[in-house]
Amino acid sequence: MSDIKIFENKKVRSQYDADKEMWYFSIVDIVGILTEQPTVDRARNYWKVLKSRLLKEGNETVTNCNQLKMEAEDGKFRLTDVGNVEDIFRIIQSIPSPKAEPFKQWLAKVGYERLQEINDPGQSIDRARENWQKLGRSEKWIQQRMTGQETRNKLTDYWQESGVKKGDEFAALTNIIHQEWTGLTVKKHKELKGLKSHNLRDHMSEAELIFTALAELSTRQIAETTKAKGLKENAVASKKGGAVAKNARKELEAKTGKSVVTGENFLPPAKDKKKLK
């Protein structure tokens, strides 16, 4: 299960292995937070140098680090160095940072919360709502975001059942749907909003969330009706589903004179200077 965790309004990509009952966290994301790097590339370079030094020192934690496919800033899934809680604790010891201790406490809290969520799945929904509230989202936006996520989950469940592979194939179909209804790839839409290592949906307007949900709902229902199997057949359904939302978008835009697809985002003002119009 892939997820995004929030530490001091910074996102940490994570994945939960249900079989091992263990969280894995993106090391680059954590290094970036602890060393306060301004960009993902700077964080990646810092980790590259630190990793090389630790390997020379014979550090077993680095040797044992795994790689998992996680969503990169361009929307594609790429292999990323990850560590479990124990691994991350040891890596943190090698990074001089005033955030080290608060981060350790945060990691311990994440592990405890996951145990609670297993016993009561409703808590994961409450946790997501709390995270968005901390980021300043309105209740109306949060409700739409959660509704859209439910629609998305039903679509990806269908893809998995019909033989579509997680990771690159999921990303490819998502991009087909997105480009069909918006006229932009996921990457171009993120560029329009001035986003880098951010989740595009977390920066969508209410209208963008609604039309994304319509596109994904339409895609799933078309795929179910045609009994689409595998990547190729689901790609056809994805294009048709995206077209349903595109036609609705154009009709709304013709009546309001306003574009549904927008460059608006929820970034802090100081980081919003280069936002494209």
Protein backbone atom coordinates (compact mmCIF):
# COMPACT_ATOMS: atom_id res chain seq x y z
CA MET A 1 0.00 0.00 0.00
CA SER A 2 1.56 3.28 -1.15
CA ASP A 3 0.91 6.37 0.93
CA ILE A 4 2.06 9.90 1.64
CA LYS A 5 2.91 10.85 5.20
CA ILE A 6 3.19 14.42 6.46
CA PHE A 7 5.99 15.68 8.71
CA GLU A 8 5.90 19.42 9.44
CA ASN A 9 3.93 19.99 6.21
CA LYS A 10 6.57 18.07 4.21
CA LYS A 11 5.62 14.90 2.36
CA VAL A 12 7.35 11.56 2.86
CA ARG A 13 6.59 8.84 0.34
CA SER A 14 5.95 5.53 2.06
CA GLN A 15 4.78 2.01 1.37
CA TYR A 16 3.33 -0.54 3.74
CA ASP A 17 4.16 -4.23 3.29
CA ALA A 18 1.13 -6.04 4.70
CA ASP A 19 2.89 -9.43 4.64
CA LYS A 20 5.83 -8.19 6.69
CA GLU A 21 3.66 -5.68 8.60
CA MET A 22 6.34 -3.08 7.97
CA TRP A 23 6.52 0.50 6.69
CA TYR A 24 9.16 1.53 4.14
CA PHE A 25 10.03 5.22 3.69
CA SER A 26 11.77 7.13 0.91
CA ILE A 27 15.25 7.93 2.17
CA VAL A 28 15.66 10.86 -0.22
CA ASP A 29 12.51 12.50 1.15
CA ILE A 30 13.74 12.11 4.72
CA VAL A 31 17.24 13.34 3.93
CA GLY A 32 15.72 16.37 2.22
CA ILE A 33 13.67 17.21 5.30
CA LEU A 34 16.44 16.69 7.85
CA THR A 35 19.02 18.68 5.86
CA GLU A 36 16.45 21.23 4.64
CA GLN A 37 17.42 20.85 0.99
CA PRO A 38 15.59 23.30 -1.34
CA THR A 39 15.03 20.77 -4.14
CA VAL A 40 14.64 17.04 -4.68
CA ASP A 41 17.83 16.98 -6.76
CA ARG A 42 19.81 18.52 -3.90
CA ALA A 43 18.37 15.97 -1.48
CA ARG A 44 19.21 13.16 -3.89
CA ASN A 45 22.81 14.38 -4.23
CA TYR A 46 23.17 14.68 -0.44
CA TRP A 47 21.97 11.08 0.00
CA LYS A 48 24.31 9.89 -2.79
CA VAL A 49 27.34 11.35 -1.01
CA LEU A 50 26.22 10.13 2.43
CA LYS A 51 25.43 6.66 1.07
CA SER A 52 28.89 6.40 -0.49
CA ARG A 53 30.53 7.39 2.79
CA LEU A 54 28.47 4.94 4.84
CA LEU A 55 29.24 2.11 2.41
CA LYS A 56 32.98 2.80 2.73
CA GLU A 57 32.56 2.64 6.50
CA GLY A 58 30.92 -0.77 6.11
CA ASN A 59 27.55 0.42 7.35
CA GLU A 60 25.22 -2.61 7.19
CA THR A 61 22.09 -0.44 7.17
CA VAL A 62 22.97 1.02 3.76
CA THR A 63 23.92 -2.42 2.46
CA ASN A 64 20.52 -3.75 3.49
CA CYS A 65 18.54 -0.86 1.97
CA ASN A 66 15.79 -1.92 -0.40
CA GLN A 67 14.44 -0.22 -3.51
CA LEU A 68 10.75 0.14 -4.25
CA LYS A 69 8.92 1.84 -7.11
CA MET A 70 7.48 5.12 -5.90
CA GLU A 71 5.90 8.03 -7.72
CA ALA A 72 8.54 10.61 -8.71
CA GLU A 73 7.99 14.33 -9.18
CA ASP A 74 7.16 13.79 -12.87
CA GLY A 75 4.34 11.38 -12.03
CA LYS A 76 6.23 8.26 -13.14
CA PHE A 77 7.08 5.38 -10.83
CA ARG A 78 10.80 4.86 -10.34
CA LEU A 79 12.96 2.69 -8.09
CA THR A 80 13.71 4.61 -4.92
CA ASP A 81 15.99 3.80 -1.98
CA VAL A 82 13.80 3.00 1.02
CA GLY A 83 14.32 1.90 4.59
CA ASN A 84 12.17 0.53 7.37
CA VAL A 85 11.85 2.36 10.68
CA GLU A 86 14.96 0.72 12.13
CA ASP A 87 17.01 1.55 9.03
CA ILE A 88 15.85 5.16 9.06
CA PHE A 89 16.72 5.54 12.74
CA ARG A 90 20.31 4.46 12.00
CA ILE A 91 20.63 6.74 8.97
CA ILE A 92 19.31 9.69 10.99
CA GLN A 93 22.22 9.20 13.41
CA SER A 94 24.58 10.02 10.55
CA ILE A 95 22.86 13.32 9.74
CA PRO A 96 23.47 16.33 12.00
CA SER A 97 20.07 17.97 12.21
CA PRO A 98 17.93 19.67 14.85
CA LYS A 99 14.98 17.84 13.32
CA ALA A 100 16.45 14.41 14.06
CA GLU A 101 14.75 13.80 17.40
CA PRO A 102 11.31 15.12 16.34
CA PHE A 103 11.55 12.95 13.25
CA LYS A 104 12.32 9.83 15.29
CA GLN A 105 9.25 10.50 17.41
CA TRP A 106 7.20 11.00 14.26
CA LEU A 107 8.37 7.66 12.81
CA ALA A 108 7.42 5.84 16.00
CA LYS A 109 3.99 7.51 15.88
CA VAL A 110 3.46 6.41 12.25
CA GLY A 111 4.12 2.78 13.18
CA TYR A 112 1.70 2.95 16.10
CA GLU A 113 -1.00 4.61 14.01
CA ARG A 114 -0.73 1.86 11.38
CA LEU A 115 -1.48 -0.78 14.02
CA GLN A 116 -4.56 1.22 15.00
CA GLU A 117 -5.68 1.49 11.37
CA ILE A 118 -5.40 -2.27 10.85
CA ASN A 119 -7.77 -2.80 13.76
CA ASP A 120 -10.03 0.08 12.69
CA PRO A 121 -9.71 0.99 8.93
CA GLY A 122 -11.87 4.07 9.47
CA GLN A 123 -8.97 5.68 11.31
CA SER A 124 -6.93 5.91 8.07
CA ILE A 125 -9.68 8.07 6.59
CA ASP A 126 -9.72 10.27 9.68
CA ARG A 127 -5.93 10.56 9.50
CA ALA A 128 -6.04 11.70 5.87
CA ARG A 129 -8.65 14.32 6.74
CA GLU A 130 -6.46 15.60 9.61
CA ASN A 131 -3.44 15.88 7.30
CA TRP A 132 -5.38 17.96 4.75
CA GLN A 133 -6.75 20.14 7.54
CA LYS A 134 -3.20 20.78 8.72
CA LEU A 135 -2.35 21.85 5.17
CA GLY A 136 -5.16 24.41 5.30
CA ARG A 137 -7.72 22.76 2.99
CA SER A 138 -11.39 23.64 3.41
CA GLU A 139 -13.92 21.01 4.51
CA LYS A 140 -15.60 21.28 1.11
CA TRP A 141 -12.30 20.58 -0.67
CA ILE A 142 -11.46 17.72 1.67
CA GLN A 143 -14.80 16.03 1.05
CA GLN A 144 -14.32 16.27 -2.71
CA ARG A 145 -10.76 14.98 -2.45
CA MET A 146 -11.88 11.97 -0.42
CA THR A 147 -14.77 11.22 -2.78
CA GLY A 148 -12.37 11.38 -5.70
CA GLN A 149 -9.96 9.02 -3.94
CA GLU A 150 -12.73 6.49 -3.44
CA THR A 151 -13.55 6.68 -7.16
CA ARG A 152 -9.86 6.27 -7.96
CA ASN A 153 -9.53 3.22 -5.69
CA LYS A 154 -12.44 1.48 -7.39
CA LEU A 155 -10.80 2.07 -10.78
CA THR A 156 -7.40 0.77 -9.72
CA ASP A 157 -9.08 -2.26 -8.13
CA TYR A 158 -10.63 -3.02 -11.52
CA TRP A 159 -7.30 -2.54 -13.29
CA GLN A 160 -5.58 -4.94 -10.94
CA GLU A 161 -8.31 -7.54 -11.33
CA SER A 162 -8.18 -7.22 -15.13
CA GLY A 163 -4.44 -7.86 -15.39
CA VAL A 164 -2.99 -4.35 -15.43
CA LYS A 165 0.32 -4.15 -13.58
CA LYS A 166 0.85 -1.69 -10.74
CA GLY A 167 3.45 1.00 -11.24
CA ASP A 168 4.24 1.98 -14.82
CA GLU A 169 1.06 0.53 -16.36
CA PHE A 170 -1.18 2.20 -13.77
CA ALA A 171 0.70 5.46 -14.43
CA ALA A 172 0.33 5.08 -18.20
CA LEU A 173 -3.45 4.60 -17.99
CA THR A 174 -3.77 7.47 -15.53
CA ASN A 175 -1.91 9.70 -17.96
CA ILE A 176 -4.20 8.68 -20.85
CA ILE A 177 -7.29 9.61 -18.83
CA HIS A 178 -5.76 12.86 -17.62
CA GLN A 179 -4.51 14.01 -21.00
CA GLU A 180 -7.82 13.18 -22.65
CA TRP A 181 -9.95 15.28 -20.32
CA THR A 182 -7.51 18.15 -19.59
CA GLY A 183 -5.53 18.32 -22.82
CA LEU A 184 -2.37 18.08 -20.70
CA THR A 185 -0.20 15.22 -19.51
CA VAL A 186 0.12 14.82 -15.74
CA LYS A 187 3.64 16.25 -16.01
CA LYS A 188 2.51 19.32 -17.98
CA HIS A 189 -0.37 19.93 -15.58
CA LYS A 190 2.07 19.87 -12.66
CA GLU A 191 4.33 22.30 -14.52
CA LEU A 192 1.35 24.59 -15.08
CA LYS A 193 0.78 24.64 -11.33
CA GLY A 194 4.47 25.10 -10.54
CA LEU A 195 4.68 21.72 -8.80
CA LYS A 196 7.67 19.43 -8.44
CA SER A 197 7.67 16.65 -5.84
CA HIS A 198 4.00 17.13 -5.06
CA ASN A 199 0.86 15.08 -5.56
CA LEU A 200 -1.08 16.83 -8.34
CA ARG A 201 -4.46 15.95 -6.82
CA ASP A 202 -3.51 17.64 -3.57
CA HIS A 203 -3.23 20.89 -5.53
CA MET A 204 -6.32 20.59 -7.71
CA SER A 205 -9.21 23.02 -7.53
CA GLU A 206 -12.66 21.74 -6.61
CA ALA A 207 -13.63 21.66 -10.29
CA GLU A 208 -10.48 19.77 -11.29
CA LEU A 209 -11.17 17.17 -8.61
CA ILE A 210 -14.76 16.74 -9.79
CA PHE A 211 -13.82 16.33 -13.45
CA THR A 212 -10.98 13.94 -12.57
CA ALA A 213 -13.47 11.82 -10.63
CA LEU A 214 -15.94 11.93 -13.55
CA ALA A 215 -13.20 10.79 -15.96
CA GLU A 216 -12.16 7.91 -13.70
CA LEU A 217 -15.74 6.87 -12.91
CA SER A 218 -16.56 6.87 -16.64
CA THR A 219 -13.41 4.89 -17.41
CA ARG A 220 -14.26 2.18 -14.89
CA GLN A 221 -17.86 1.83 -16.03
CA ILE A 222 -16.82 1.66 -19.70
CA ALA A 223 -14.12 -0.90 -18.86
CA GLU A 224 -16.59 -3.00 -16.88
CA THR A 225 -19.18 -2.83 -19.68
CA THR A 226 -16.67 -3.87 -22.35
CA LYS A 227 -14.93 -6.34 -19.96
CA ALA A 228 -11.58 -4.74 -20.75
CA LYS A 229 -8.54 -6.89 -19.98
CA GLY A 230 -4.88 -5.95 -19.81
CA LEU A 231 -3.16 -2.68 -20.64
CA LYS A 232 -4.23 -2.37 -24.28
CA GLU A 233 -7.97 -2.81 -23.78
CA ASN A 234 -7.98 -0.65 -20.65
CA ALA A 235 -6.14 2.06 -22.56
CA VAL A 236 -9.07 2.21 -24.99
CA ALA A 237 -11.54 2.47 -22.10
CA SER A 238 -9.35 5.14 -20.46
CA LYS A 239 -9.42 7.32 -23.55
CA LYS A 240 -13.20 6.98 -23.83
CA GLY A 241 -13.68 7.70 -20.12
CA GLY A 242 -11.48 10.77 -20.35
CA ALA A 243 -13.47 11.97 -23.35
CA VAL A 244 -16.69 11.95 -21.29
CA ALA A 245 -15.13 14.40 -18.84
CA LYS A 246 -13.57 16.44 -21.66
CA ASN A 247 -16.97 16.97 -23.31
CA ALA A 248 -18.49 18.00 -19.97
CA ARG A 249 -15.55 20.35 -19.31
CA LYS A 250 -15.94 22.06 -22.69
CA GLU A 251 -19.66 22.51 -22.17
CA LEU A 252 -19.12 24.09 -18.75
CA GLU A 253 -16.34 26.35 -20.04
CA ALA A 254 -18.56 27.50 -22.93
CA LYS A 255 -21.27 28.53 -20.46
CA THR A 256 -19.02 30.17 -17.86
CA GLY A 257 -16.18 31.52 -19.96
CA LYS A 258 -13.75 30.15 -17.36
CA SER A 259 -11.13 27.44 -17.75
CA VAL A 260 -11.56 24.37 -15.55
CA VAL A 261 -7.87 23.45 -15.81
CA THR A 262 -5.95 26.01 -13.78
CA GLY A 263 -2.45 26.90 -12.67
CA GLU A 264 -3.67 27.57 -9.13
CA ASN A 265 -2.10 25.54 -6.32
CA PHE A 266 -1.83 25.42 -2.54
CA LEU A 267 1.90 26.11 -2.28
CA PRO A 268 3.07 28.62 0.34
CA PRO A 269 3.28 32.13 -1.22
CA ALA A 270 7.08 32.25 -0.93
CA LYS A 271 7.36 29.17 -3.16
CA ASP A 272 4.75 30.33 -5.63
CA LYS A 273 6.71 32.98 -7.51
CA LYS A 274 7.45 30.89 -10.59
CA LYS A 275 3.95 29.54 -11.00
CA LEU A 276 3.05 29.45 -14.67
CA LYS A 277 -0.04 31.25 -15.84
